[in-house]
């Protein structure tokens, strides 16, 4: 099978590592332009390994060369500058009859490149596209299972980095393992409420795209947002960047969620604005929970 990988950061390289042994892989990146007409002519799939803010531009770039039977699959987990998650971007930017998919789950790029397995769910607009993506990765080390709840998966993917900031901060403040367990539980409860409110299924929280990805990100020593939460709580406010940071900014800018309905999300927002107040913010949150 021939596959085009668009984007060549850590995840793009991981995808090539997984697929190159069994497939013919071509990759595109902005610094090294590619004849997309030729690259898509014989391709059986296109993997979009770019962050959400860049996704629409990349889709527009490749769209003129697509066939309806050539599925696009995105792994972008944040929101773009309009506050859209990847599935919303694909629905808006792809041709009307274009098949597309999203892939979410615990799949840290460094681990997969080291030969360790990754795990994810794939949800698509057509059964044929879903089967194509699953076949593409068969035997690759990324184990895929089918899913249908695109909205639920998308909100889990967008918000897991937000809650991870708080897990990292709590560890930096030495609040203990009990507090980490409590915060994980509260995060998952709040995620379930958000997913349901946004039209998804709360059951998705218990799947790979939900608790699987969140726990991996929240506890991995190599997780960017885990480390960022630690750094901010310790007073290091340099290089405040990442999908979770951008997601919080877009939630505020576009008023996508009522923060007052989700107190832990509200705490994460306040923490990002005033990281020096992290301990007080945790105390306020605990008081709010146990006084309710």
Protein backbone atom coordinates (compact mmCIF):
# COMPACT_ATOMS: atom_id res chain seq x y z
CA UNK A 1 0.00 0.00 0.00
CA UNK A 2 1.16 3.54 -0.74
CA UNK A 3 0.65 6.24 1.90
CA UNK A 4 1.33 9.99 1.99
CA UNK A 5 2.34 11.47 5.35
CA UNK A 6 1.81 15.20 5.61
CA UNK A 7 3.88 16.72 8.40
CA UNK A 8 7.23 15.42 9.56
CA UNK A 9 7.51 16.27 13.24
CA UNK A 10 7.85 13.60 15.91
CA UNK A 11 4.54 11.94 15.10
CA UNK A 12 5.10 12.07 11.36
CA UNK A 13 8.44 10.33 11.86
CA UNK A 14 6.80 7.77 14.13
CA UNK A 15 4.18 7.02 11.48
CA UNK A 16 6.89 6.51 8.88
CA UNK A 17 8.77 4.20 11.28
CA UNK A 18 5.63 2.09 11.72
CA UNK A 19 4.56 1.96 8.09
CA UNK A 20 7.77 1.93 6.04
CA UNK A 21 8.54 -1.78 6.56
CA UNK A 22 5.32 -2.84 4.82
CA UNK A 23 4.27 0.13 2.68
CA UNK A 24 5.63 2.70 0.27
CA UNK A 25 5.76 5.93 2.24
CA UNK A 26 6.05 9.46 0.87
CA UNK A 27 6.19 12.44 3.20
CA UNK A 28 5.51 16.13 2.75
CA UNK A 29 6.60 19.07 4.88
CA UNK A 30 6.54 22.80 4.24
CA UNK A 31 10.32 23.11 4.05
CA UNK A 32 10.52 20.40 1.41
CA UNK A 33 7.63 20.81 -1.07
CA UNK A 34 6.33 17.77 -2.89
CA UNK A 35 4.39 17.20 -6.09
CA UNK A 36 1.11 16.44 -4.35
CA UNK A 37 -0.67 15.49 -7.55
CA UNK A 38 1.88 12.73 -8.13
CA UNK A 39 2.03 11.75 -4.46
CA UNK A 40 -1.73 11.25 -4.19
CA UNK A 41 -2.21 9.59 -7.59
CA UNK A 42 -1.40 6.09 -6.38
CA UNK A 43 -1.83 6.60 -2.63
CA UNK A 44 -4.31 4.55 -0.66
CA UNK A 45 -4.33 6.86 2.39
CA UNK A 46 -3.14 10.28 3.55
CA UNK A 47 -2.02 10.75 7.16
CA UNK A 48 -2.25 14.32 8.43
CA UNK A 49 0.41 14.60 11.13
CA UNK A 50 0.12 18.33 11.77
CA UNK A 51 -1.33 20.20 14.78
CA UNK A 52 -4.89 21.50 14.69
CA UNK A 53 -3.97 25.16 13.96
CA UNK A 54 -2.22 24.07 10.74
CA UNK A 55 -4.70 21.41 9.68
CA UNK A 56 -7.08 23.52 7.57
CA UNK A 57 -4.24 24.96 5.47
CA UNK A 58 -2.81 21.50 4.84
CA UNK A 59 -6.21 20.07 3.89
CA UNK A 60 -6.78 22.95 1.45
CA UNK A 61 -3.36 22.28 -0.04
CA UNK A 62 -4.00 18.62 -0.75
CA UNK A 63 -7.75 18.79 -1.50
CA UNK A 64 -7.45 19.54 -5.25
CA UNK A 65 -5.59 16.26 -5.71
CA UNK A 66 -7.85 13.95 -3.69
CA UNK A 67 -10.13 11.14 -4.80
CA UNK A 68 -13.28 10.31 -2.88
CA UNK A 69 -11.89 6.86 -2.11
CA UNK A 70 -8.61 8.28 -0.72
CA UNK A 71 -9.21 8.69 3.02
CA UNK A 72 -7.50 11.37 5.08
CA UNK A 73 -6.72 10.51 8.70
CA UNK A 74 -5.82 13.14 11.30
CA UNK A 75 -4.14 12.71 14.68
CA UNK A 76 -4.42 16.40 15.70
CA UNK A 77 -5.63 16.61 19.31
CA UNK A 78 -6.15 20.32 20.00
CA UNK A 79 -8.26 23.17 18.63
CA UNK A 80 -7.48 25.48 15.74
CA UNK A 81 -7.64 29.27 15.89
CA UNK A 82 -11.39 29.16 15.19
CA UNK A 83 -11.94 26.80 18.11
CA UNK A 84 -12.53 23.74 15.91
CA UNK A 85 -11.25 20.25 16.66
CA UNK A 86 -9.83 18.12 13.85
CA UNK A 87 -13.09 16.43 12.82
CA UNK A 88 -14.84 19.78 12.52
CA UNK A 89 -11.96 21.11 10.41
CA UNK A 90 -12.05 18.08 8.12
CA UNK A 91 -15.83 18.29 7.76
CA UNK A 92 -15.58 21.97 6.81
CA UNK A 93 -12.51 21.87 4.57
CA UNK A 94 -12.73 18.53 2.73
CA UNK A 95 -14.77 18.10 -0.45
CA UNK A 96 -18.33 17.00 0.33
CA UNK A 97 -17.82 13.37 -0.68
CA UNK A 98 -14.33 13.00 0.81
CA UNK A 99 -13.82 10.22 3.34
CA UNK A 100 -11.83 11.09 6.47
CA UNK A 101 -10.97 9.69 9.86
CA UNK A 102 -9.51 10.63 13.23
CA UNK A 103 -7.12 8.46 15.26
CA UNK A 104 -6.86 8.97 19.05
CA UNK A 105 -5.37 6.99 21.90
CA UNK A 106 -2.16 6.41 23.87
CA UNK A 107 0.49 6.58 21.16
CA UNK A 108 3.54 8.49 22.36
CA UNK A 109 5.77 9.02 19.33
CA UNK A 110 9.06 8.30 21.11
CA UNK A 111 7.81 4.96 22.38
CA UNK A 112 6.55 3.80 19.00
CA UNK A 113 9.83 4.83 17.35
CA UNK A 114 11.61 2.74 19.98
CA UNK A 115 9.59 -0.32 18.95
CA UNK A 116 7.08 -0.22 21.79
CA UNK A 117 3.40 -0.65 20.91
CA UNK A 118 0.87 2.15 20.57
CA UNK A 119 -2.90 1.84 20.97
CA UNK A 120 -5.67 3.93 19.46
CA UNK A 121 -9.20 4.09 18.15
CA UNK A 122 -10.14 5.11 14.63
CA UNK A 123 -13.47 6.71 13.77
CA UNK A 124 -14.32 7.59 10.19
CA UNK A 125 -17.07 8.98 7.99
CA UNK A 126 -17.38 5.71 6.06
CA UNK A 127 -16.88 2.05 6.90
CA UNK A 128 -14.55 1.71 3.91
CA UNK A 129 -12.27 4.48 5.18
CA UNK A 130 -12.22 2.98 8.66
CA UNK A 131 -11.29 -0.43 7.27
CA UNK A 132 -8.59 1.10 5.03
CA UNK A 133 -6.91 2.85 7.97
CA UNK A 134 -7.11 -0.23 10.16
CA UNK A 135 -5.61 -2.38 7.37
CA UNK A 136 -2.86 0.17 6.81
CA UNK A 137 -1.60 -0.26 10.37
CA UNK A 138 -2.12 -4.02 10.63
CA UNK A 139 1.03 -5.58 12.07
CA UNK A 140 2.73 -2.19 12.44
CA UNK A 141 2.87 -1.91 16.23
CA UNK A 142 0.01 0.59 16.41
CA UNK A 143 -3.01 -1.45 17.42
CA UNK A 144 -6.26 0.11 16.22
CA UNK A 145 -9.84 -0.59 17.18
CA UNK A 146 -12.97 0.80 15.55
CA UNK A 147 -15.02 3.54 17.19
CA UNK A 148 -17.96 5.70 16.18
CA UNK A 149 -18.16 8.58 18.67
CA UNK A 150 -16.23 11.23 16.76
CA UNK A 151 -17.47 14.11 18.93
CA UNK A 152 -16.67 12.34 22.19
CA UNK A 153 -13.25 11.22 21.05
CA UNK A 154 -12.46 14.71 19.79
CA UNK A 155 -13.29 16.43 23.08
CA UNK A 156 -11.30 13.86 25.03
CA UNK A 157 -8.34 14.48 22.75
CA UNK A 158 -8.66 18.26 22.97
CA UNK A 159 -8.99 18.46 26.76
CA UNK A 160 -6.70 15.72 28.07
CA UNK A 161 -3.68 18.04 27.85
CA UNK A 162 -5.57 20.73 29.77
CA UNK A 163 -6.20 18.46 32.76
CA UNK A 164 -2.69 17.05 32.53
CA UNK A 165 -1.32 20.50 33.38
CA UNK A 166 -2.96 20.19 36.80
CA UNK A 167 -1.62 16.68 37.39
CA UNK A 168 1.90 17.95 36.76
CA UNK A 169 1.38 20.98 38.97
CA UNK A 170 0.10 18.86 41.87
CA UNK A 171 3.21 16.69 41.67
CA UNK A 172 5.51 19.72 41.65
CA UNK A 173 3.74 21.00 44.78
CA UNK A 174 4.25 17.58 46.42
CA UNK A 175 0.54 17.16 47.09
CA UNK A 176 0.96 13.39 47.02
CA UNK A 177 -0.28 10.29 45.25
CA UNK A 178 -3.71 10.51 46.86
CA UNK A 179 -4.24 13.95 45.37
CA UNK A 180 -3.14 12.70 41.95
CA UNK A 181 -5.70 9.89 42.13
CA UNK A 182 -8.37 12.36 43.17
CA UNK A 183 -7.52 14.78 40.35
CA UNK A 184 -7.53 11.99 37.77
CA UNK A 185 -10.98 10.92 38.96
CA UNK A 186 -12.32 14.47 38.94
CA UNK A 187 -10.84 15.10 35.50
CA UNK A 188 -12.54 12.05 34.06
CA UNK A 189 -15.88 12.96 35.65
CA UNK A 190 -15.69 16.44 34.23
CA UNK A 191 -14.62 15.16 30.81
CA UNK A 192 -17.61 12.82 30.77
CA UNK A 193 -19.95 15.72 31.51
CA UNK A 194 -18.39 17.85 28.78
CA UNK A 195 -18.49 15.04 26.23
CA UNK A 196 -22.19 14.42 26.90
CA UNK A 197 -23.00 18.12 26.75
CA UNK A 198 -21.19 18.38 23.40
CA UNK A 199 -23.14 15.53 21.85
CA UNK A 200 -20.83 12.61 22.53
CA UNK A 201 -21.19 9.51 24.70
CA UNK A 202 -19.89 9.43 28.27
CA UNK A 203 -18.92 5.80 27.61
CA UNK A 204 -16.12 7.09 25.37
CA UNK A 205 -14.32 8.26 28.51
CA UNK A 206 -13.67 4.59 29.37
CA UNK A 207 -12.07 3.87 25.98
CA UNK A 208 -8.56 4.29 24.57
CA UNK A 209 -9.33 7.77 23.27
CA UNK A 210 -10.53 8.72 26.75
CA UNK A 211 -8.99 7.31 29.90
CA UNK A 212 -6.28 5.46 27.95
CA UNK A 213 -4.85 8.60 26.38
CA UNK A 214 -5.44 10.79 29.43
CA UNK A 215 -3.72 8.48 31.92
CA UNK A 216 -0.78 8.04 29.57
CA UNK A 217 -0.36 11.78 29.12
CA UNK A 218 -0.99 12.65 32.78
CA UNK A 219 1.55 10.17 34.16
CA UNK A 220 4.27 10.00 31.51
CA UNK A 221 7.54 11.62 32.54
CA UNK A 222 8.06 12.57 28.91
CA UNK A 223 4.68 14.27 28.47
CA UNK A 224 5.14 17.91 27.45
CA UNK A 225 2.04 19.08 29.34
CA UNK A 226 2.89 17.05 32.44
CA UNK A 227 6.30 18.69 32.55
CA UNK A 228 4.85 22.11 31.71
CA UNK A 229 2.47 21.88 34.67
CA UNK A 230 5.41 21.03 36.91
CA UNK A 231 7.51 23.90 35.60
CA UNK A 232 4.75 26.46 35.98
CA UNK A 233 4.03 25.39 39.56
CA UNK A 234 7.74 25.76 40.36
CA UNK A 235 7.80 29.31 39.00
CA UNK A 236 9.27 28.68 35.55
CA UNK A 237 6.97 30.54 33.16
CA UNK A 238 9.23 30.32 30.10
CA UNK A 239 8.03 28.69 26.88
CA UNK A 240 4.38 28.36 27.83
CA UNK A 241 3.20 26.53 24.74
CA UNK A 242 1.48 23.36 23.66
CA UNK A 243 -1.87 21.99 22.50
CA UNK A 244 -3.40 22.29 25.96
CA UNK A 245 -2.32 25.92 26.33
CA UNK A 246 -3.77 26.79 22.92
CA UNK A 247 -6.95 24.84 23.66
CA UNK A 248 -7.56 26.81 26.86
CA UNK A 249 -6.99 30.07 24.99
CA UNK A 250 -9.48 29.09 22.28
CA UNK A 251 -12.08 27.91 24.81
CA UNK A 252 -11.92 31.36 26.40
CA UNK A 253 -11.77 33.31 23.15
CA UNK A 254 -14.74 31.60 21.54
CA UNK A 255 -16.75 30.86 24.69
CA UNK A 256 -17.00 27.20 23.76
CA UNK A 257 -17.65 25.88 27.26
CA UNK A 258 -19.17 27.49 30.34
CA UNK A 259 -16.21 27.31 32.69
CA UNK A 260 -18.46 27.83 35.70
CA UNK A 261 -20.09 24.48 34.98
CA UNK A 262 -16.70 22.74 35.04
CA UNK A 263 -14.75 23.86 38.12
CA UNK A 264 -11.61 21.86 37.39
CA UNK A 265 -11.42 23.32 33.89
CA UNK A 266 -11.88 26.73 35.50
CA UNK A 267 -9.00 25.92 37.87
CA UNK A 268 -6.78 24.93 34.94
CA UNK A 269 -7.53 28.26 33.24
CA UNK A 270 -6.76 30.22 36.39
CA UNK A 271 -3.55 28.22 36.92
CA UNK A 272 -2.33 29.05 33.44
CA UNK A 273 -3.01 32.76 34.01
CA UNK A 274 -1.54 32.85 37.56
CA UNK A 275 0.74 29.84 38.03
CA UNK A 276 2.30 31.36 41.16
CA UNK A 277 -1.10 30.87 42.84
CA UNK A 278 -1.18 27.13 42.12
CA UNK A 279 -1.36 25.97 45.74
CA UNK A 280 -4.14 28.41 46.60
CA UNK A 281 -6.06 27.39 43.46
CA UNK A 282 -5.90 23.73 44.48
CA UNK A 283 -7.08 24.61 48.00
CA UNK A 284 -9.96 26.66 46.60
CA UNK A 285 -10.96 23.82 44.31
CA UNK A 286 -10.91 21.26 47.11
CA UNK A 287 -13.00 23.51 49.31
CA UNK A 288 -15.49 24.03 46.49
CA UNK A 289 -15.79 20.28 45.91
CA UNK A 290 -16.23 19.27 49.53
CA UNK A 291 -18.51 22.16 50.43
CA UNK A 292 -20.84 21.35 47.54
